[in-house]
Amino acid sequence: MVVKLPELKEEELLVQPEEELKPDVLPEIEALEATTAETTETIQAVQDPSVFEELPFPEAEVFFTAEEAERFGPPLPGFDWQLKVTPDEAGLIASVTIVDPFGWEWLEGDLFVSPEGTTLTLAQVETLFGLPEEERSEFPTLPAVFEPVEEIPEAPVTDRIAELEAQLAGELPGAERGALEQRLEGLKAQEALGFTFPEQQISEIVEEFFPEVEDISLVPPAERVRVEAQQALAVEKGQEFVDKIIAKGRTPETEALLKTLDPSLSDEQIEKFFTQPGDVFAEARIKNLDVVRIARVEEEQFDVLFATQGERGSVEGWVSKNIFPT
């Protein structure tokens, strides 16, 4: 038997008091309320038109990764979530939603849109989640959003890469595909670093070669000497990191690592990376480079983040910009 959820008219969704959307008892998904509160806070922050003043707003909907969305407001619930902004015909913000790794859109006011396009209230989601599995056939992706992740021993990186590649070979919702592709990219970076630095853990590499450095543009003048010293150390460590890659020589692993840092690198550029005379090349590598750091190591996701003075977030083409400057 399939339980049919009540269908709400548009005007009912707009006028129903928030407290009427929630049942008295949550079916063991207490974290849902906290997450929806964070969602509302983020959406309200992004709906301020001034947030997008710096951006040429697109004509169609646009998705921002969790890292990219940090510049607009409070952080998203996880690295594999996305911020979706849809403009209207005039190019203004028509709607803002947050998309979880399973393709569900979370709206302000504790509303949800399933990957199939069905709008549900929080009460409906919780009711649906409480149904026996055989009665959830209309919304097969929903339970995975809330069920706790099973803690199992982590498989080797190569096995996880193969598994993700197999998943990506099939049909997936756009948001889920994007999250898996991001995770795959991180795993390949992790694998490449493992070959290049076999005696060190990823966290040790981050700590040794990419120390945390403050943004000097945000530091009071009296403290800038200290931050400049931090930056100098970061440049030195960043150069040492690249020197170690060069010392390993051109192998499938070091080539994969470079292409992870910048997928646009050509074979000619990679060849130049390993053959350019040392002194000249060392100077080119650090030209205009204020801060280099790998920012986060989180579960299967290995985010490579290169930030420069006054510029936060990922910098596309870091290797081309700092190793092959024009």
C-alpha atoms as a PDB file:
ATOM      1  CA  MET A   1       0.000   0.000   0.000  1.00  0.00           C
ATOM      2  CA  VAL A   2       1.309   3.468  -0.881  1.00  0.00           C
ATOM      3  CA  VAL A   3       0.249   6.282   1.420  1.00  0.00           C
ATOM      4  CA  LYS A   4      -0.820   9.339  -0.553  1.00  0.00           C
ATOM      5  CA  LEU A   5       0.437  12.564   1.018  1.00  0.00           C
ATOM      6  CA  PRO A   6      -1.962  15.514   1.083  1.00  0.00           C
ATOM      7  CA  GLU A   7      -1.424  17.906  -1.801  1.00  0.00           C
ATOM      8  CA  LEU A   8      -1.177  21.559  -0.776  1.00  0.00           C
ATOM      9  CA  LYS A   9      -2.317  24.394  -2.991  1.00  0.00           C
ATOM     10  CA  GLU A  10       0.142  27.191  -3.654  1.00  0.00           C
ATOM     11  CA  GLU A  11      -1.773  29.687  -1.501  1.00  0.00           C
ATOM     12  CA  GLU A  12      -1.770  27.208   1.391  1.00  0.00           C
ATOM     13  CA  LEU A  13       2.000  26.873   1.203  1.00  0.00           C
ATOM     14  CA  LEU A  14       2.372  30.634   1.383  1.00  0.00           C
ATOM     15  CA  VAL A  15       0.052  31.371   4.302  1.00  0.00           C
ATOM     16  CA  GLN A  16       0.374  28.360   6.584  1.00  0.00           C
ATOM     17  CA  PRO A  17       2.002  29.326   9.929  1.00  0.00           C
ATOM     18  CA  GLU A  18       5.381  27.672  10.358  1.00  0.00           C
ATOM     19  CA  GLU A  19       4.338  25.913  13.569  1.00  0.00           C
ATOM     20  CA  GLU A  20       1.528  24.107  11.723  1.00  0.00           C
ATOM     21  CA  LEU A  21       4.058  22.509   9.373  1.00  0.00           C
ATOM     22  CA  LYS A  22       5.817  20.667  12.184  1.00  0.00           C
ATOM     23  CA  PRO A  23       4.479  17.703  14.171  1.00  0.00           C
ATOM     24  CA  ASP A  24       4.701  17.580  17.959  1.00  0.00           C
ATOM     25  CA  VAL A  25       7.250  14.752  17.891  1.00  0.00           C
ATOM     26  CA  LEU A  26      10.076  14.324  15.404  1.00  0.00           C
ATOM     27  CA  PRO A  27      10.679  10.714  14.281  1.00  0.00           C
ATOM     28  CA  GLU A  28      14.338  10.541  15.383  1.00  0.00           C
ATOM     29  CA  ILE A  29      15.615  13.168  12.968  1.00  0.00           C
ATOM     30  CA  GLU A  30      16.243  15.977  15.445  1.00  0.00           C
ATOM     31  CA  ALA A  31      19.033  17.438  13.295  1.00  0.00           C
ATOM     32  CA  LEU A  32      16.505  18.321  10.616  1.00  0.00           C
ATOM     33  CA  GLU A  33      15.160  21.350  12.491  1.00  0.00           C
ATOM     34  CA  ALA A  34      18.640  22.758  13.057  1.00  0.00           C
ATOM     35  CA  THR A  35      19.552  22.258   9.421  1.00  0.00           C
ATOM     36  CA  THR A  36      16.392  23.934   8.149  1.00  0.00           C
ATOM     37  CA  ALA A  37      17.112  26.899  10.426  1.00  0.00           C
ATOM     38  CA  GLU A  38      20.593  27.196   8.891  1.00  0.00           C
ATOM     39  CA  THR A  39      19.040  26.920   5.453  1.00  0.00           C
ATOM     40  CA  THR A  40      16.656  29.801   6.142  1.00  0.00           C
ATOM     41  CA  GLU A  41      19.504  31.958   7.483  1.00  0.00           C
ATOM     42  CA  THR A  42      21.603  31.345   4.383  1.00  0.00           C
ATOM     43  CA  ILE A  43      18.729  31.953   1.974  1.00  0.00           C
ATOM     44  CA  GLN A  44      17.756  35.205   3.700  1.00  0.00           C
ATOM     45  CA  ALA A  45      21.351  36.428   3.500  1.00  0.00           C
ATOM     46  CA  VAL A  46      21.646  35.594  -0.187  1.00  0.00           C
ATOM     47  CA  GLN A  47      18.331  37.230  -1.068  1.00  0.00           C
ATOM     48  CA  ASP A  48      19.879  40.616  -0.328  1.00  0.00           C
ATOM     49  CA  PRO A  49      20.440  41.992  -3.881  1.00  0.00           C
ATOM     50  CA  SER A  50      23.675  43.694  -2.810  1.00  0.00           C
ATOM     51  CA  VAL A  51      25.244  40.252  -2.351  1.00  0.00           C
ATOM     52  CA  PHE A  52      25.483  39.785  -6.110  1.00  0.00           C
ATOM     53  CA  GLU A  53      26.540  43.320  -7.066  1.00  0.00           C
ATOM     54  CA  GLU A  54      30.019  42.097  -8.006  1.00  0.00           C
ATOM     55  CA  LEU A  55      28.745  39.318 -10.257  1.00  0.00           C
ATOM     56  CA  PRO A  56      27.440  39.515 -13.830  1.00  0.00           C
ATOM     57  CA  PHE A  57      24.203  37.707 -13.108  1.00  0.00           C
ATOM     58  CA  PRO A  58      23.412  34.881 -15.566  1.00  0.00           C
ATOM     59  CA  GLU A  59      20.293  34.552 -17.658  1.00  0.00           C
ATOM     60  CA  ALA A  60      19.606  31.056 -16.348  1.00  0.00           C
ATOM     61  CA  GLU A  61      19.809  29.344 -12.980  1.00  0.00           C
ATOM     62  CA  VAL A  62      23.281  28.973 -11.528  1.00  0.00           C
ATOM     63  CA  PHE A  63      24.713  26.578  -8.938  1.00  0.00           C
ATOM     64  CA  PHE A  64      27.460  27.580  -6.490  1.00  0.00           C
ATOM     65  CA  THR A  65      29.548  25.023  -4.630  1.00  0.00           C
ATOM     66  CA  ALA A  66      29.689  25.238  -0.842  1.00  0.00           C
ATOM     67  CA  GLU A  67      33.099  26.876  -1.124  1.00  0.00           C
ATOM     68  CA  GLU A  68      31.904  29.449  -3.656  1.00  0.00           C
ATOM     69  CA  ALA A  69      28.764  30.179  -1.613  1.00  0.00           C
ATOM     70  CA  GLU A  70      30.785  31.198   1.452  1.00  0.00           C
ATOM     71  CA  ARG A  71      31.238  34.697   0.003  1.00  0.00           C
ATOM     72  CA  PHE A  72      27.475  35.258   0.005  1.00  0.00           C
ATOM     73  CA  GLY A  73      26.534  34.399   3.588  1.00  0.00           C
ATOM     74  CA  PRO A  74      26.572  31.685   6.254  1.00  0.00           C
ATOM     75  CA  PRO A  75      28.199  28.381   5.216  1.00  0.00           C
ATOM     76  CA  LEU A  76      26.136  25.583   3.719  1.00  0.00           C
ATOM     77  CA  PRO A  77      25.523  22.468   5.874  1.00  0.00           C
ATOM     78  CA  GLY A  78      28.241  20.439   4.087  1.00  0.00           C
ATOM     79  CA  PHE A  79      30.964  20.642   1.418  1.00  0.00           C
ATOM     80  CA  ASP A  80      28.866  18.652  -1.060  1.00  0.00           C
ATOM     81  CA  TRP A  81      25.811  20.928  -0.824  1.00  0.00           C
ATOM     82  CA  GLN A  82      25.080  23.595  -3.447  1.00  0.00           C
ATOM     83  CA  LEU A  83      23.453  27.011  -3.556  1.00  0.00           C
ATOM     84  CA  LYS A  84      20.991  27.445  -6.448  1.00  0.00           C
ATOM     85  CA  VAL A  85      20.043  30.960  -7.554  1.00  0.00           C
ATOM     86  CA  THR A  86      17.420  31.473 -10.254  1.00  0.00           C
ATOM     87  CA  PRO A  87      16.903  34.886 -11.924  1.00  0.00           C
ATOM     88  CA  ASP A  88      13.670  36.245 -13.353  1.00  0.00           C
ATOM     89  CA  GLU A  89      13.210  37.758 -16.816  1.00  0.00           C
ATOM     90  CA  ALA A  90      14.579  41.093 -15.599  1.00  0.00           C
ATOM     91  CA  GLY A  91      17.773  39.461 -14.343  1.00  0.00           C
ATOM     92  CA  LEU A  92      16.855  39.888 -10.684  1.00  0.00           C
ATOM     93  CA  ILE A  93      16.930  37.127  -8.084  1.00  0.00           C
ATOM     94  CA  ALA A  94      13.673  35.197  -8.376  1.00  0.00           C
ATOM     95  CA  SER A  95      14.450  32.335  -6.015  1.00  0.00           C
ATOM     96  CA  VAL A  96      17.224  30.963  -3.832  1.00  0.00           C
ATOM     97  CA  THR A  97      17.354  27.354  -2.704  1.00  0.00           C
ATOM     98  CA  ILE A  98      19.929  25.048  -1.148  1.00  0.00           C
ATOM     99  CA  VAL A  99      20.482  21.675  -2.814  1.00  0.00           C
ATOM    100  CA  ASP A 100      21.638  18.722  -0.728  1.00  0.00           C
ATOM    101  CA  PRO A 101      23.878  15.914  -2.055  1.00  0.00           C
ATOM    102  CA  PHE A 102      20.816  13.841  -3.004  1.00  0.00           C
ATOM    103  CA  GLY A 103      19.202  16.487  -5.224  1.00  0.00           C
ATOM    104  CA  TRP A 104      16.610  17.759  -2.716  1.00  0.00           C
ATOM    105  CA  GLU A 105      16.068  21.525  -2.709  1.00  0.00           C
ATOM    106  CA  TRP A 106      15.611  23.120   0.724  1.00  0.00           C
ATOM    107  CA  LEU A 107      13.505  26.293   0.670  1.00  0.00           C
ATOM    108  CA  GLU A 108      12.917  29.017   3.226  1.00  0.00           C
ATOM    109  CA  GLY A 109      10.011  28.258   5.551  1.00  0.00           C
ATOM    110  CA  ASP A 110      10.829  24.559   5.933  1.00  0.00           C
ATOM    111  CA  LEU A 111       9.692  23.565   2.445  1.00  0.00           C
ATOM    112  CA  PHE A 112      11.355  20.956   0.256  1.00  0.00           C
ATOM    113  CA  VAL A 113      11.339  20.101  -3.444  1.00  0.00           C
ATOM    114  CA  SER A 114      12.121  16.477  -4.272  1.00  0.00           C
ATOM    115  CA  PRO A 115      14.360  15.568  -7.241  1.00  0.00           C
ATOM    116  CA  GLU A 116      11.115  14.642  -9.009  1.00  0.00           C
ATOM    117  CA  GLY A 117       9.795  18.211  -8.562  1.00  0.00           C
ATOM    118  CA  THR A 118       7.255  17.605  -5.760  1.00  0.00           C
ATOM    119  CA  THR A 119       6.988  20.333  -3.096  1.00  0.00           C
ATOM    120  CA  LEU A 120       6.644  19.038   0.481  1.00  0.00           C
ATOM    121  CA  THR A 121       6.345  20.666   3.878  1.00  0.00           C
ATOM    122  CA  LEU A 122       8.520  19.644   6.793  1.00  0.00           C
ATOM    123  CA  ALA A 123       5.558  17.771   8.266  1.00  0.00           C
ATOM    124  CA  GLN A 124       5.097  15.812   5.043  1.00  0.00           C
ATOM    125  CA  VAL A 125       8.795  14.967   4.892  1.00  0.00           C
ATOM    126  CA  GLU A 126       8.783  13.706   8.455  1.00  0.00           C
ATOM    127  CA  THR A 127       5.573  11.749   7.871  1.00  0.00           C
ATOM    128  CA  LEU A 128       7.032  10.187   4.756  1.00  0.00           C
ATOM    129  CA  PHE A 129      10.265   9.351   6.541  1.00  0.00           C
ATOM    130  CA  GLY A 130       8.316   7.556   9.239  1.00  0.00           C
ATOM    131  CA  LEU A 131       6.636   5.208   6.766  1.00  0.00           C
ATOM    132  CA  PRO A 132       7.820   1.611   6.265  1.00  0.00           C
ATOM    133  CA  GLU A 133      10.271   1.293   3.397  1.00  0.00           C
ATOM    134  CA  GLU A 134       7.765  -0.422   1.100  1.00  0.00           C
ATOM    135  CA  GLU A 135       5.497   2.624   1.369  1.00  0.00           C
ATOM    136  CA  ARG A 136       8.117   5.127   0.210  1.00  0.00           C
ATOM    137  CA  SER A 137       8.194   4.108  -3.438  1.00  0.00           C
ATOM    138  CA  GLU A 138       7.087   7.520  -4.696  1.00  0.00           C
ATOM    139  CA  PHE A 139      10.161   9.196  -3.175  1.00  0.00           C
ATOM    140  CA  PRO A 140      12.992   6.645  -3.230  1.00  0.00           C
ATOM    141  CA  THR A 141      15.781   9.156  -2.587  1.00  0.00           C
ATOM    142  CA  LEU A 142      14.335  10.697   0.565  1.00  0.00           C
ATOM    143  CA  PRO A 143      15.495   8.347   3.367  1.00  0.00           C
ATOM    144  CA  ALA A 144      19.164   8.723   2.470  1.00  0.00           C
ATOM    145  CA  VAL A 145      18.966  12.442   3.256  1.00  0.00           C
ATOM    146  CA  PHE A 146      18.295  11.835   6.941  1.00  0.00           C
ATOM    147  CA  GLU A 147      19.524   8.370   7.845  1.00  0.00           C
ATOM    148  CA  PRO A 148      22.850   8.365   9.723  1.00  0.00           C
ATOM    149  CA  VAL A 149      25.918   7.422   7.723  1.00  0.00           C
ATOM    150  CA  GLU A 150      27.057   3.895   8.507  1.00  0.00           C
ATOM    151  CA  GLU A 151      30.571   3.903   9.910  1.00  0.00           C
ATOM    152  CA  ILE A 152      32.574   1.272   8.070  1.00  0.00           C
ATOM    153  CA  PRO A 153      36.307   0.870   7.483  1.00  0.00           C
ATOM    154  CA  GLU A 154      37.415   3.114   4.658  1.00  0.00           C
ATOM    155  CA  ALA A 155      38.288   1.333   1.420  1.00  0.00           C
ATOM    156  CA  PRO A 156      41.581   2.088  -0.361  1.00  0.00           C
ATOM    157  CA  VAL A 157      41.535   5.284  -2.394  1.00  0.00           C
ATOM    158  CA  THR A 158      41.848   3.358  -5.665  1.00  0.00           C
ATOM    159  CA  ASP A 159      38.744   1.314  -4.831  1.00  0.00           C
ATOM    160  CA  ARG A 160      36.749   4.421  -3.923  1.00  0.00           C
ATOM    161  CA  ILE A 161      37.804   6.104  -7.162  1.00  0.00           C
ATOM    162  CA  ALA A 162      36.658   3.077  -9.175  1.00  0.00           C
ATOM    163  CA  GLU A 163      33.347   3.024  -7.305  1.00  0.00           C
ATOM    164  CA  LEU A 164      32.683   6.713  -7.956  1.00  0.00           C
ATOM    165  CA  GLU A 165      33.597   6.380 -11.627  1.00  0.00           C
ATOM    166  CA  ALA A 166      31.119   3.504 -11.917  1.00  0.00           C
ATOM    167  CA  GLN A 167      28.402   5.619 -10.276  1.00  0.00           C
ATOM    168  CA  LEU A 168      29.104   8.551 -12.583  1.00  0.00           C
ATOM    169  CA  ALA A 169      28.785   6.286 -15.619  1.00  0.00           C
ATOM    170  CA  GLY A 170      25.053   5.988 -14.919  1.00  0.00           C
ATOM    171  CA  GLU A 171      22.248   8.540 -14.885  1.00  0.00           C
ATOM    172  CA  LEU A 172      22.180  10.836 -11.834  1.00  0.00           C
ATOM    173  CA  PRO A 173      20.380  14.046 -10.796  1.00  0.00           C
ATOM    174  CA  GLY A 174      22.456  17.120 -11.576  1.00  0.00           C
ATOM    175  CA  ALA A 175      23.216  18.068  -7.973  1.00  0.00           C
ATOM    176  CA  GLU A 176      24.225  14.525  -7.027  1.00  0.00           C
ATOM    177  CA  ARG A 177      26.442  14.220 -10.120  1.00  0.00           C
ATOM    178  CA  GLY A 178      28.167  17.478  -9.248  1.00  0.00           C
ATOM    179  CA  ALA A 179      28.832  16.338  -5.685  1.00  0.00           C
ATOM    180  CA  LEU A 180      30.230  12.982  -6.841  1.00  0.00           C
ATOM    181  CA  GLU A 181      32.460  14.625  -9.455  1.00  0.00           C
ATOM    182  CA  GLN A 182      33.818  16.964  -6.784  1.00  0.00           C
ATOM    183  CA  ARG A 183      34.484  14.024  -4.474  1.00  0.00           C
ATOM    184  CA  LEU A 184      36.179  12.088  -7.294  1.00  0.00           C
ATOM    185  CA  GLU A 185      38.453  15.017  -8.037  1.00  0.00           C
ATOM    186  CA  GLY A 186      39.409  15.197  -4.376  1.00  0.00           C
ATOM    187  CA  LEU A 187      40.170  11.477  -4.202  1.00  0.00           C
ATOM    188  CA  LYS A 188      42.390  11.682  -7.279  1.00  0.00           C
ATOM    189  CA  ALA A 189      44.304  14.534  -5.657  1.00  0.00           C
ATOM    190  CA  GLN A 190      44.619  12.471  -2.493  1.00  0.00           C
ATOM    191  CA  GLU A 191      45.863   9.472  -4.503  1.00  0.00           C
ATOM    192  CA  ALA A 192      48.396  11.584  -6.391  1.00  0.00           C
ATOM    193  CA  LEU A 193      49.720  13.139  -3.192  1.00  0.00           C
ATOM    194  CA  GLY A 194      49.996   9.684  -1.662  1.00  0.00           C
ATOM    195  CA  PHE A 195      52.278   8.564  -4.498  1.00  0.00           C
ATOM    196  CA  THR A 196      54.319  11.771  -4.403  1.00  0.00           C
ATOM    197  CA  PHE A 197      54.710  11.873  -0.612  1.00  0.00           C
ATOM    198  CA  PRO A 198      54.461   8.185   0.369  1.00  0.00           C
ATOM    199  CA  GLU A 199      55.732   8.596   3.929  1.00  0.00           C
ATOM    200  CA  GLN A 200      53.294  11.322   4.975  1.00  0.00           C
ATOM    201  CA  GLN A 201      49.596  11.555   5.756  1.00  0.00           C
ATOM    202  CA  ILE A 202      47.548  14.119   3.828  1.00  0.00           C
ATOM    203  CA  SER A 203      47.000  16.161   7.000  1.00  0.00           C
ATOM    204  CA  GLU A 204      50.772  16.222   7.600  1.00  0.00           C
ATOM    205  CA  ILE A 205      51.376  17.523   4.073  1.00  0.00           C
ATOM    206  CA  VAL A 206      48.841  20.294   4.595  1.00  0.00           C
ATOM    207  CA  GLU A 207      50.346  21.272   7.944  1.00  0.00           C
ATOM    208  CA  GLU A 208      53.942  21.205   6.695  1.00  0.00           C
ATOM    209  CA  PHE A 209      53.690  22.873   3.303  1.00  0.00           C
ATOM    210  CA  PHE A 210      50.580  25.036   3.536  1.00  0.00           C
ATOM    211  CA  PRO A 211      50.428  26.869   6.884  1.00  0.00           C
ATOM    212  CA  GLU A 212      47.323  28.926   7.580  1.00  0.00           C
ATOM    213  CA  VAL A 213      47.922  32.574   6.673  1.00  0.00           C
ATOM    214  CA  GLU A 214      45.714  35.536   7.464  1.00  0.00           C
ATOM    215  CA  ASP A 215      44.400  37.834   4.733  1.00  0.00           C
ATOM    216  CA  ILE A 216      46.669  40.868   5.030  1.00  0.00           C
ATOM    217  CA  SER A 217      43.975  43.180   3.654  1.00  0.00           C
ATOM    218  CA  LEU A 218      41.921  42.472   6.795  1.00  0.00           C
ATOM    219  CA  VAL A 219      44.774  42.991   9.279  1.00  0.00           C
ATOM    220  CA  PRO A 220      45.381  46.315  11.110  1.00  0.00           C
ATOM    221  CA  PRO A 221      48.524  48.124   9.876  1.00  0.00           C
ATOM    222  CA  ALA A 222      50.283  47.582  13.206  1.00  0.00           C
ATOM    223  CA  GLU A 223      50.109  43.794  12.745  1.00  0.00           C
ATOM    224  CA  ARG A 224      51.025  43.573   9.070  1.00  0.00           C
ATOM    225  CA  VAL A 225      54.710  42.839   9.667  1.00  0.00           C
ATOM    226  CA  ARG A 226      53.701  39.640  11.446  1.00  0.00           C
ATOM    227  CA  VAL A 227      51.348  38.610   8.631  1.00  0.00           C
ATOM    228  CA  GLU A 228      53.947  39.428   5.983  1.00  0.00           C
ATOM    229  CA  ALA A 229      56.298  37.037   7.782  1.00  0.00           C
ATOM    230  CA  GLN A 230      53.574  34.383   7.651  1.00  0.00           C
ATOM    231  CA  GLN A 231      53.167  35.009   3.940  1.00  0.00           C
ATOM    232  CA  ALA A 232      56.897  34.727   3.328  1.00  0.00           C
ATOM    233  CA  LEU A 233      56.894  31.347   5.069  1.00  0.00           C
ATOM    234  CA  ALA A 234      53.916  30.236   2.980  1.00  0.00           C
ATOM    235  CA  VAL A 235      55.724  31.216  -0.221  1.00  0.00           C
ATOM    236  CA  GLU A 236      58.836  29.336   0.890  1.00  0.00           C
ATOM    237  CA  LYS A 237      56.838  26.236   1.790  1.00  0.00           C
ATOM    238  CA  GLY A 238      54.823  26.448  -1.422  1.00  0.00           C
ATOM    239  CA  GLN A 239      58.033  26.552  -3.432  1.00  0.00           C
ATOM    240  CA  GLU A 240      59.386  23.583  -1.468  1.00  0.00           C
ATOM    241  CA  PHE A 241      56.180  21.680  -2.252  1.00  0.00           C
ATOM    242  CA  VAL A 242      56.657  22.257  -5.983  1.00  0.00           C
ATOM    243  CA  ASP A 243      60.376  21.426  -5.747  1.00  0.00           C
ATOM    244  CA  LYS A 244      59.490  18.043  -4.266  1.00  0.00           C
ATOM    245  CA  ILE A 245      57.177  17.323  -7.185  1.00  0.00           C
ATOM    246  CA  ILE A 246      59.943  18.246  -9.640  1.00  0.00           C
ATOM    247  CA  ALA A 247      62.408  16.052  -7.744  1.00  0.00           C
ATOM    248  CA  LYS A 248      60.075  13.087  -8.210  1.00  0.00           C
ATOM    249  CA  GLY A 249      60.199  13.608 -11.953  1.00  0.00           C
ATOM    250  CA  ARG A 250      57.418  13.249 -14.478  1.00  0.00           C
ATOM    251  CA  THR A 251      55.420  10.162 -13.546  1.00  0.00           C
ATOM    252  CA  PRO A 252      51.744   9.303 -14.009  1.00  0.00           C
ATOM    253  CA  GLU A 253      51.242  10.276 -10.361  1.00  0.00           C
ATOM    254  CA  THR A 254      52.972  13.673 -10.444  1.00  0.00           C
ATOM    255  CA  GLU A 255      51.274  14.454 -13.754  1.00  0.00           C
ATOM    256  CA  ALA A 256      47.904  13.570 -12.197  1.00  0.00           C
ATOM    257  CA  LEU A 257      48.659  15.854  -9.255  1.00  0.00           C
ATOM    258  CA  LEU A 258      49.448  18.805 -11.523  1.00  0.00           C
ATOM    259  CA  LYS A 259      46.326  18.217 -13.588  1.00  0.00           C
ATOM    260  CA  THR A 260      44.296  18.078 -10.390  1.00  0.00           C
ATOM    261  CA  LEU A 261      45.617  21.501  -9.433  1.00  0.00           C
ATOM    262  CA  ASP A 262      44.816  22.807 -12.909  1.00  0.00           C
ATOM    263  CA  PRO A 263      42.876  20.569 -15.352  1.00  0.00           C
ATOM    264  CA  SER A 264      43.618  23.006 -18.200  1.00  0.00           C
ATOM    265  CA  LEU A 265      47.366  22.252 -18.210  1.00  0.00           C
ATOM    266  CA  SER A 266      48.625  21.011 -21.565  1.00  0.00           C
ATOM    267  CA  ASP A 267      51.217  18.272 -22.050  1.00  0.00           C
ATOM    268  CA  GLU A 268      53.629  20.965 -23.247  1.00  0.00           C
ATOM    269  CA  GLN A 269      53.191  22.947 -20.031  1.00  0.00           C
ATOM    270  CA  ILE A 270      53.690  19.853 -17.897  1.00  0.00           C
ATOM    271  CA  GLU A 271      56.843  18.992 -19.850  1.00  0.00           C
ATOM    272  CA  LYS A 272      58.082  22.539 -19.250  1.00  0.00           C
ATOM    273  CA  PHE A 273      57.350  22.149 -15.557  1.00  0.00           C
ATOM    274  CA  PHE A 274      59.915  19.353 -15.276  1.00  0.00           C
ATOM    275  CA  THR A 275      62.530  20.637 -17.751  1.00  0.00           C
ATOM    276  CA  GLN A 276      62.783  24.423 -17.157  1.00  0.00           C
ATOM    277  CA  PRO A 277      66.185  25.461 -15.672  1.00  0.00           C
ATOM    278  CA  GLY A 278      65.936  25.527 -11.886  1.00  0.00           C
ATOM    279  CA  ASP A 279      66.856  29.113 -10.951  1.00  0.00           C
ATOM    280  CA  VAL A 280      64.748  30.772 -13.638  1.00  0.00           C
ATOM    281  CA  PHE A 281      61.855  28.459 -13.011  1.00  0.00           C
ATOM    282  CA  ALA A 282      62.004  28.902  -9.228  1.00  0.00           C
ATOM    283  CA  GLU A 283      61.656  32.662  -9.669  1.00  0.00           C
ATOM    284  CA  ALA A 284      58.708  32.225 -12.023  1.00  0.00           C
ATOM    285  CA  ARG A 285      56.952  29.862  -9.625  1.00  0.00           C
ATOM    286  CA  ILE A 286      56.710  32.429  -6.830  1.00  0.00           C
ATOM    287  CA  LYS A 287      56.040  35.542  -8.905  1.00  0.00           C
ATOM    288  CA  ASN A 288      53.046  37.457  -7.478  1.00  0.00           C
ATOM    289  CA  LEU A 289      52.377  34.636  -5.021  1.00  0.00           C
ATOM    290  CA  ASP A 290      51.434  35.933  -1.557  1.00  0.00           C
ATOM    291  CA  VAL A 291      49.688  32.955   0.024  1.00  0.00           C
ATOM    292  CA  VAL A 292      49.446  29.308  -0.957  1.00  0.00           C
ATOM    293  CA  ARG A 293      47.570  26.805   1.154  1.00  0.00           C
ATOM    294  CA  ILE A 294      45.581  23.620   0.927  1.00  0.00           C
ATOM    295  CA  ALA A 295      42.639  24.494   3.097  1.00  0.00           C
ATOM    296  CA  ARG A 296      40.656  21.470   4.057  1.00  0.00           C
ATOM    297  CA  VAL A 297      40.891  17.705   4.381  1.00  0.00           C
ATOM    298  CA  GLU A 298      37.446  16.298   5.094  1.00  0.00           C
ATOM    299  CA  GLU A 299      36.499  12.624   4.840  1.00  0.00           C
ATOM    300  CA  GLU A 300      36.666  11.611   1.175  1.00  0.00           C
ATOM    301  CA  GLN A 301      36.793  15.206  -0.006  1.00  0.00           C
ATOM    302  CA  PHE A 302      40.266  16.667  -0.517  1.00  0.00           C
ATOM    303  CA  ASP A 303      39.731  20.329  -1.372  1.00  0.00           C
ATOM    304  CA  VAL A 304      42.700  22.068  -2.933  1.00  0.00           C
ATOM    305  CA  LEU A 305      42.355  25.778  -2.230  1.00  0.00           C
ATOM    306  CA  PHE A 306      44.864  28.392  -3.290  1.00  0.00           C
ATOM    307  CA  ALA A 307      44.182  31.886  -1.957  1.00  0.00           C
ATOM    308  CA  THR A 308      46.049  35.115  -2.773  1.00  0.00           C
ATOM    309  CA  GLN A 309      46.180  38.371  -0.875  1.00  0.00           C
ATOM    310  CA  GLY A 310      42.755  39.992  -0.848  1.00  0.00           C
ATOM    311  CA  GLU A 311      41.190  37.109  -2.748  1.00  0.00           C
ATOM    312  CA  ARG A 312      39.359  34.282  -0.973  1.00  0.00           C
ATOM    313  CA  GLY A 313      38.179  31.048  -2.501  1.00  0.00           C
ATOM    314  CA  SER A 314      39.558  28.784  -5.173  1.00  0.00           C
ATOM    315  CA  VAL A 315      41.695  30.481  -7.831  1.00  0.00           C
ATOM    316  CA  GLU A 316      41.190  28.834 -11.216  1.00  0.00           C
ATOM    317  CA  GLY A 317      44.369  28.026 -13.028  1.00  0.00           C
ATOM    318  CA  TRP A 318      46.699  28.382 -10.042  1.00  0.00           C
ATOM    319  CA  VAL A 319      49.495  26.423 -11.653  1.00  0.00           C
ATOM    320  CA  SER A 320      49.258  28.402 -14.894  1.00  0.00           C
ATOM    321  CA  LYS A 321      49.126  31.678 -12.973  1.00  0.00           C
ATOM    322  CA  ASN A 322      51.954  31.058 -10.531  1.00  0.00           C
ATOM    323  CA  ILE A 323      54.093  28.452 -12.262  1.00  0.00           C
ATOM    324  CA  PHE A 324      53.679  29.625 -15.860  1.00  0.00           C
ATOM    325  CA  PRO A 325      53.010  33.387 -15.465  1.00  0.00           C
ATOM    326  CA  THR A 326      52.733  35.380 -18.674  1.00  0.00           C
END
